[in-house]
Amino acid sequence: MSYSLWISGDIAFAQGTYESRPAGTAVIAVTDLFKRRDFHPLNRAPSVFDSSYVGLFASLGDLNAEMRRRRAKRGDS
């Protein structure tokens, strides 16, 4: 499973993909971390062409590491 990430203001979207098919989307505050239970198949993520698109991550751990890195860069605890 891989994850695409978008960050728009104080909101972060992540969409899980399995073999190139969407497998649920989560929406959280940028100060939080993603959990498996956050992902729901009915939620929709922005387009990969949206300017808020950050990138593709190989695992939920990698995705949360990026969230931590961005939080540290902003100076949030």
Foldseek 3Di string as FASTA:
>chain_A
DKWWWFDDPQKIKIWDDDPNHTDFMAIDGLVDADDPVRGDPVDDDDDCPDPRTDGMGDDSVRVRVVSVVVCVVVVHD
